[in-house]
Amino acid sequence: MAKPDNREDNAVHLQQHINNTEENLQEAEQYLNEFADEISSNEQNAIEAKNERRKESIQSFEAEIQDESGQ
């Protein structure tokens, strides 16, 4: 039997996703700053690209929260 579609707590879950993504973004930036001399340019580029995707995800989550709240 399928579960009913309960969207009451979607905004809360989306905010948790934002918080987690922001934390991962900050940790990656800190890693880049602390170990800039020790990591390869390939790894640095990969981390920077992932951080750009994280920023895009945060924007998407924020837009979804606005949609959920009816604004």
PDB file of N, CA and C in Angstrom:
ATOM      1  N   MET A   1       0.842  -1.181   0.000  1.00  0.00           N
ATOM      2  CA  MET A   1       0.000   0.000   0.000  1.00  0.00           C
ATOM      3  C   MET A   1       0.888   1.246   0.000  1.00  0.00           C
ATOM      4  N   ALA A   2       0.573   2.185  -0.842  1.00  0.00           N
ATOM      5  CA  ALA A   2       1.356   3.409  -0.966  1.00  0.00           C
ATOM      6  C   ALA A   2       1.119   4.319   0.234  1.00  0.00           C
ATOM      7  N   LYS A   3       2.174   5.001   0.625  1.00  0.00           N
ATOM      8  CA  LYS A   3       2.052   5.957   1.718  1.00  0.00           C
ATOM      9  C   LYS A   3       1.406   7.232   1.191  1.00  0.00           C
ATOM     10  N   PRO A   4       0.565   7.877   1.993  1.00  0.00           N
ATOM     11  CA  PRO A   4      -0.037   9.137   1.556  1.00  0.00           C
ATOM     12  C   PRO A   4       1.036  10.216   1.411  1.00  0.00           C
ATOM     13  N   ASP A   5       0.786  11.153   0.519  1.00  0.00           N
ATOM     14  CA  ASP A   5       1.727  12.237   0.256  1.00  0.00           C
ATOM     15  C   ASP A   5       1.572  13.302   1.336  1.00  0.00           C
ATOM     16  N   ASN A   6       2.470  13.274   2.328  1.00  0.00           N
ATOM     17  CA  ASN A   6       2.409  14.221   3.434  1.00  0.00           C
ATOM     18  C   ASN A   6       3.508  15.262   3.246  1.00  0.00           C
ATOM     19  N   ARG A   7       3.111  16.479   2.932  1.00  0.00           N
ATOM     20  CA  ARG A   7       4.081  17.541   2.662  1.00  0.00           C
ATOM     21  C   ARG A   7       4.176  18.543   3.805  1.00  0.00           C
ATOM     22  N   GLU A   8       3.629  18.214   4.941  1.00  0.00           N
ATOM     23  CA  GLU A   8       3.596  19.166   6.044  1.00  0.00           C
ATOM     24  C   GLU A   8       4.988  19.575   6.507  1.00  0.00           C
ATOM     25  N   ASP A   9       5.936  18.663   6.454  1.00  0.00           N
ATOM     26  CA  ASP A   9       7.260  18.968   6.981  1.00  0.00           C
ATOM     27  C   ASP A   9       8.313  19.116   5.883  1.00  0.00           C
ATOM     28  N   ASN A  10       7.895  19.329   4.653  1.00  0.00           N
ATOM     29  CA  ASN A  10       8.853  19.495   3.556  1.00  0.00           C
ATOM     30  C   ASN A  10       9.794  20.671   3.781  1.00  0.00           C
ATOM     31  N   ALA A  11       9.263  21.792   4.241  1.00  0.00           N
ATOM     32  CA  ALA A  11      10.106  22.970   4.457  1.00  0.00           C
ATOM     33  C   ALA A  11      11.176  22.679   5.501  1.00  0.00           C
ATOM     34  N   VAL A  12      10.824  21.918   6.527  1.00  0.00           N
ATOM     35  CA  VAL A  12      11.791  21.558   7.566  1.00  0.00           C
ATOM     36  C   VAL A  12      12.883  20.681   6.970  1.00  0.00           C
ATOM     37  N   HIS A  13      12.498  19.704   6.183  1.00  0.00           N
ATOM     38  CA  HIS A  13      13.476  18.813   5.548  1.00  0.00           C
ATOM     39  C   HIS A  13      14.360  19.580   4.566  1.00  0.00           C
ATOM     40  N   LEU A  14      13.773  20.481   3.817  1.00  0.00           N
ATOM     41  CA  LEU A  14      14.553  21.281   2.879  1.00  0.00           C
ATOM     42  C   LEU A  14      15.558  22.155   3.613  1.00  0.00           C
ATOM     43  N   GLN A  15      15.152  22.732   4.741  1.00  0.00           N
ATOM     44  CA  GLN A  15      16.073  23.557   5.527  1.00  0.00           C
ATOM     45  C   GLN A  15      17.212  22.699   6.076  1.00  0.00           C
ATOM     46  N   GLN A  16      16.925  21.470   6.455  1.00  0.00           N
ATOM     47  CA  GLN A  16      17.982  20.560   6.912  1.00  0.00           C
ATOM     48  C   GLN A  16      18.964  20.277   5.780  1.00  0.00           C
ATOM     49  N   HIS A  17      18.454  20.105   4.576  1.00  0.00           N
ATOM     50  CA  HIS A  17      19.319  19.890   3.415  1.00  0.00           C
ATOM     51  C   HIS A  17      20.205  21.115   3.177  1.00  0.00           C
ATOM     52  N   ILE A  18      19.616  22.295   3.307  1.00  0.00           N
ATOM     53  CA  ILE A  18      20.391  23.529   3.137  1.00  0.00           C
ATOM     54  C   ILE A  18      21.508  23.591   4.176  1.00  0.00           C
ATOM     55  N   ASN A  19      21.160  23.331   5.434  1.00  0.00           N
ATOM     56  CA  ASN A  19      22.156  23.392   6.502  1.00  0.00           C
ATOM     57  C   ASN A  19      23.287  22.400   6.263  1.00  0.00           C
ATOM     58  N   ASN A  20      22.939  21.181   5.890  1.00  0.00           N
ATOM     59  CA  ASN A  20      23.962  20.159   5.632  1.00  0.00           C
ATOM     60  C   ASN A  20      24.843  20.539   4.445  1.00  0.00           C
ATOM     61  N   THR A  21      24.233  21.050   3.409  1.00  0.00           N
ATOM     62  CA  THR A  21      24.987  21.428   2.209  1.00  0.00           C
ATOM     63  C   THR A  21      25.907  22.608   2.505  1.00  0.00           C
ATOM     64  N   GLU A  22      25.417  23.580   3.267  1.00  0.00           N
ATOM     65  CA  GLU A  22      26.256  24.717   3.645  1.00  0.00           C
ATOM     66  C   GLU A  22      27.441  24.264   4.499  1.00  0.00           C
ATOM     67  N   GLU A  23      27.193  23.323   5.394  1.00  0.00           N
ATOM     68  CA  GLU A  23      28.269  22.794   6.233  1.00  0.00           C
ATOM     69  C   GLU A  23      29.326  22.090   5.377  1.00  0.00           C
ATOM     70  N   ASN A  24      28.880  21.279   4.429  1.00  0.00           N
ATOM     71  CA  ASN A  24      29.821  20.599   3.532  1.00  0.00           C
ATOM     72  C   ASN A  24      30.608  21.601   2.693  1.00  0.00           C
ATOM     73  N   LEU A  25      29.943  22.633   2.243  1.00  0.00           N
ATOM     74  CA  LEU A  25      30.585  23.684   1.454  1.00  0.00           C
ATOM     75  C   LEU A  25      31.677  24.372   2.278  1.00  0.00           C
ATOM     76  N   GLN A  26      31.354  24.729   3.505  1.00  0.00           N
ATOM     77  CA  GLN A  26      32.317  25.403   4.373  1.00  0.00           C
ATOM     78  C   GLN A  26      33.503  24.497   4.694  1.00  0.00           C
ATOM     79  N   GLU A  27      33.227  23.219   4.962  1.00  0.00           N
ATOM     80  CA  GLU A  27      34.310  22.287   5.254  1.00  0.00           C
ATOM     81  C   GLU A  27      35.241  22.123   4.058  1.00  0.00           C
ATOM     82  N   ALA A  28      34.675  22.069   2.875  1.00  0.00           N
ATOM     83  CA  ALA A  28      35.491  21.929   1.667  1.00  0.00           C
ATOM     84  C   ALA A  28      36.336  23.178   1.442  1.00  0.00           C
ATOM     85  N   GLU A  29      35.750  24.352   1.667  1.00  0.00           N
ATOM     86  CA  GLU A  29      36.510  25.589   1.506  1.00  0.00           C
ATOM     87  C   GLU A  29      37.634  25.675   2.537  1.00  0.00           C
ATOM     88  N   GLN A  30      37.347  25.250   3.746  1.00  0.00           N
ATOM     89  CA  GLN A  30      38.370  25.247   4.790  1.00  0.00           C
ATOM     90  C   GLN A  30      39.502  24.287   4.412  1.00  0.00           C
ATOM     91  N   TYR A  31      39.133  23.124   3.901  1.00  0.00           N
ATOM     92  CA  TYR A  31      40.132  22.144   3.457  1.00  0.00           C
ATOM     93  C   TYR A  31      41.016  22.738   2.361  1.00  0.00           C
ATOM     94  N   LEU A  32      40.394  23.411   1.410  1.00  0.00           N
ATOM     95  CA  LEU A  32      41.150  24.039   0.328  1.00  0.00           C
ATOM     96  C   LEU A  32      42.117  25.088   0.872  1.00  0.00           C
ATOM     97  N   ASN A  33      41.668  25.860   1.845  1.00  0.00           N
ATOM     98  CA  ASN A  33      42.523  26.907   2.415  1.00  0.00           C
ATOM     99  C   ASN A  33      43.673  26.327   3.233  1.00  0.00           C
ATOM    100  N   GLU A  34      43.376  25.296   4.011  1.00  0.00           N
ATOM    101  CA  GLU A  34      44.394  24.730   4.895  1.00  0.00           C
ATOM    102  C   GLU A  34      45.445  23.913   4.158  1.00  0.00           C
ATOM    103  N   PHE A  35      45.021  23.221   3.112  1.00  0.00           N
ATOM    104  CA  PHE A  35      45.924  22.288   2.443  1.00  0.00           C
ATOM    105  C   PHE A  35      46.196  22.661   0.997  1.00  0.00           C
ATOM    106  N   ALA A  36      46.102  23.936   0.686  1.00  0.00           N
ATOM    107  CA  ALA A  36      46.279  24.395  -0.693  1.00  0.00           C
ATOM    108  C   ALA A  36      47.616  23.961  -1.276  1.00  0.00           C
ATOM    109  N   ASP A  37      48.648  23.944  -0.463  1.00  0.00           N
ATOM    110  CA  ASP A  37      49.981  23.580  -0.952  1.00  0.00           C
ATOM    111  C   ASP A  37      50.168  22.074  -1.118  1.00  0.00           C
ATOM    112  N   GLU A  38      49.268  21.297  -0.529  1.00  0.00           N
ATOM    113  CA  GLU A  38      49.452  19.849  -0.498  1.00  0.00           C
ATOM    114  C   GLU A  38      48.554  19.079  -1.463  1.00  0.00           C
ATOM    115  N   ILE A  39      47.522  19.723  -1.989  1.00  0.00           N
ATOM    116  CA  ILE A  39      46.598  18.992  -2.856  1.00  0.00           C
ATOM    117  C   ILE A  39      46.907  19.292  -4.324  1.00  0.00           C
ATOM    118  N   SER A  40      46.600  18.322  -5.148  1.00  0.00           N
ATOM    119  CA  SER A  40      46.865  18.482  -6.585  1.00  0.00           C
ATOM    120  C   SER A  40      45.862  19.460  -7.197  1.00  0.00           C
ATOM    121  N   SER A  41      46.217  19.983  -8.335  1.00  0.00           N
ATOM    122  CA  SER A  41      45.312  20.912  -9.019  1.00  0.00           C
ATOM    123  C   SER A  41      44.044  20.190  -9.461  1.00  0.00           C
ATOM    124  N   ASN A  42      44.166  18.901  -9.802  1.00  0.00           N
ATOM    125  CA  ASN A  42      42.975  18.124 -10.179  1.00  0.00           C
ATOM    126  C   ASN A  42      42.002  18.023  -9.013  1.00  0.00           C
ATOM    127  N   GLU A  43      42.541  17.720  -7.819  1.00  0.00           N
ATOM    128  CA  GLU A  43      41.682  17.612  -6.644  1.00  0.00           C
ATOM    129  C   GLU A  43      41.077  18.966  -6.305  1.00  0.00           C
ATOM    130  N   GLN A  44      41.875  20.014  -6.396  1.00  0.00           N
ATOM    131  CA  GLN A  44      41.379  21.354  -6.111  1.00  0.00           C
ATOM    132  C   GLN A  44      40.254  21.729  -7.079  1.00  0.00           C
ATOM    133  N   ASN A  45      40.443  21.449  -8.357  1.00  0.00           N
ATOM    134  CA  ASN A  45      39.400  21.735  -9.354  1.00  0.00           C
ATOM    135  C   ASN A  45      38.132  20.939  -9.087  1.00  0.00           C
ATOM    136  N   ALA A  46      38.296  19.677  -8.692  1.00  0.00           N
ATOM    137  CA  ALA A  46      37.136  18.837  -8.407  1.00  0.00           C
ATOM    138  C   ALA A  46      36.353  19.379  -7.210  1.00  0.00           C
ATOM    139  N   ILE A  47      37.069  19.806  -6.177  1.00  0.00           N
ATOM    140  CA  ILE A  47      36.409  20.348  -4.991  1.00  0.00           C
ATOM    141  C   ILE A  47      35.704  21.655  -5.325  1.00  0.00           C
ATOM    142  N   GLU A  48      36.362  22.506  -6.084  1.00  0.00           N
ATOM    143  CA  GLU A  48      35.747  23.778  -6.469  1.00  0.00           C
ATOM    144  C   GLU A  48      34.496  23.553  -7.325  1.00  0.00           C
ATOM    145  N   ALA A  49      34.544  22.585  -8.219  1.00  0.00           N
ATOM    146  CA  ALA A  49      33.378  22.276  -9.047  1.00  0.00           C
ATOM    147  C   ALA A  49      32.236  21.742  -8.191  1.00  0.00           C
ATOM    148  N   LYS A  50      32.578  20.905  -7.229  1.00  0.00           N
ATOM    149  CA  LYS A  50      31.548  20.358  -6.348  1.00  0.00           C
ATOM    150  C   LYS A  50      30.926  21.469  -5.503  1.00  0.00           C
ATOM    151  N   ASN A  51      31.748  22.411  -5.074  1.00  0.00           N
ATOM    152  CA  ASN A  51      31.215  23.527  -4.296  1.00  0.00           C
ATOM    153  C   ASN A  51      30.273  24.387  -5.131  1.00  0.00           C
ATOM    154  N   GLU A  52      30.573  24.547  -6.402  1.00  0.00           N
ATOM    155  CA  GLU A  52      29.648  25.286  -7.275  1.00  0.00           C
ATOM    156  C   GLU A  52      28.310  24.557  -7.371  1.00  0.00           C
ATOM    157  N   ARG A  53      28.353  23.244  -7.479  1.00  0.00           N
ATOM    158  CA  ARG A  53      27.104  22.468  -7.511  1.00  0.00           C
ATOM    159  C   ARG A  53      26.365  22.579  -6.183  1.00  0.00           C
ATOM    160  N   ARG A  54      27.112  22.623  -5.099  1.00  0.00           N
ATOM    161  CA  ARG A  54      26.483  22.793  -3.781  1.00  0.00           C
ATOM    162  C   ARG A  54      25.762  24.135  -3.705  1.00  0.00           C
ATOM    163  N   LYS A  55      26.386  25.192  -4.201  1.00  0.00           N
ATOM    164  CA  LYS A  55      25.760  26.513  -4.194  1.00  0.00           C
ATOM    165  C   LYS A  55      24.473  26.504  -5.012  1.00  0.00           C
ATOM    166  N   GLU A  56      24.498  25.827  -6.146  1.00  0.00           N
ATOM    167  CA  GLU A  56      23.299  25.712  -6.982  1.00  0.00           C
ATOM    168  C   GLU A  56      22.209  24.924  -6.256  1.00  0.00           C
ATOM    169  N   SER A  57      22.607  23.882  -5.554  1.00  0.00           N
ATOM    170  CA  SER A  57      21.642  23.089  -4.787  1.00  0.00           C
ATOM    171  C   SER A  57      20.987  23.925  -3.702  1.00  0.00           C
ATOM    172  N   ILE A  58      21.778  24.725  -3.014  1.00  0.00           N
ATOM    173  CA  ILE A  58      21.235  25.581  -1.956  1.00  0.00           C
ATOM    174  C   ILE A  58      20.195  26.528  -2.541  1.00  0.00           C
ATOM    175  N   GLN A  59      20.493  27.113  -3.693  1.00  0.00           N
ATOM    176  CA  GLN A  59      19.527  28.010  -4.338  1.00  0.00           C
ATOM    177  C   GLN A  59      18.246  27.262  -4.695  1.00  0.00           C
ATOM    178  N   SER A  60      18.389  26.042  -5.172  1.00  0.00           N
ATOM    179  CA  SER A  60      17.217  25.240  -5.528  1.00  0.00           C
ATOM    180  C   SER A  60      16.383  24.900  -4.297  1.00  0.00           C
ATOM    181  N   PHE A  61      17.066  24.530  -3.215  1.00  0.00           N
ATOM    182  CA  PHE A  61      16.348  24.229  -1.970  1.00  0.00           C
ATOM    183  C   PHE A  61      15.601  25.461  -1.474  1.00  0.00           C
ATOM    184  N   GLU A  62      16.241  26.625  -1.544  1.00  0.00           N
ATOM    185  CA  GLU A  62      15.594  27.856  -1.094  1.00  0.00           C
ATOM    186  C   GLU A  62      14.373  28.184  -1.948  1.00  0.00           C
ATOM    187  N   ALA A  63      14.469  27.969  -3.240  1.00  0.00           N
ATOM    188  CA  ALA A  63      13.328  28.202  -4.125  1.00  0.00           C
ATOM    189  C   ALA A  63      12.196  27.224  -3.805  1.00  0.00           C
ATOM    190  N   GLU A  64      12.554  25.992  -3.493  1.00  0.00           N
ATOM    191  CA  GLU A  64      11.538  25.004  -3.139  1.00  0.00           C
ATOM    192  C   GLU A  64      10.839  25.360  -1.852  1.00  0.00           C
ATOM    193  N   ILE A  65      11.588  25.891  -0.894  1.00  0.00           N
ATOM    194  CA  ILE A  65      10.971  26.324   0.373  1.00  0.00           C
ATOM    195  C   ILE A  65       9.967  27.430   0.099  1.00  0.00           C
ATOM    196  N   GLN A  66      10.327  28.373  -0.774  1.00  0.00           N
ATOM    197  CA  GLN A  66       9.390  29.451  -1.111  1.00  0.00           C
ATOM    198  C   GLN A  66       8.145  28.878  -1.773  1.00  0.00           C
ATOM    199  N   ASP A  67       8.306  27.901  -2.654  1.00  0.00           N
ATOM    200  CA  ASP A  67       7.156  27.265  -3.293  1.00  0.00           C
ATOM    201  C   ASP A  67       6.283  26.562  -2.267  1.00  0.00           C
ATOM    202  N   GLU A  68       6.900  25.906  -1.315  1.00  0.00           N
ATOM    203  CA  GLU A  68       6.151  25.181  -0.285  1.00  0.00           C
ATOM    204  C   GLU A  68       5.352  26.131   0.602  1.00  0.00           C
ATOM    205  N   SER A  69       5.932  27.306   0.839  1.00  0.00           N
ATOM    206  CA  SER A  69       5.252  28.254   1.737  1.00  0.00           C
ATOM    207  C   SER A  69       4.242  29.113   0.999  1.00  0.00           C
ATOM    208  N   GLY A  70       4.164  28.967  -0.322  1.00  0.00           N
ATOM    209  CA  GLY A  70       3.166  29.675  -1.099  1.00  0.00           C
ATOM    210  C   GLY A  70       3.524  31.109  -1.402  1.00  0.00           C
ATOM    211  N   GLN A  71       4.792  31.456  -1.308  1.00  0.00           N
ATOM    212  CA  GLN A  71       5.202  32.847  -1.564  1.00  0.00           C
ATOM    213  C   GLN A  71       5.572  33.035  -3.000  1.00  0.00           C
TER     214      GLN A  71
END
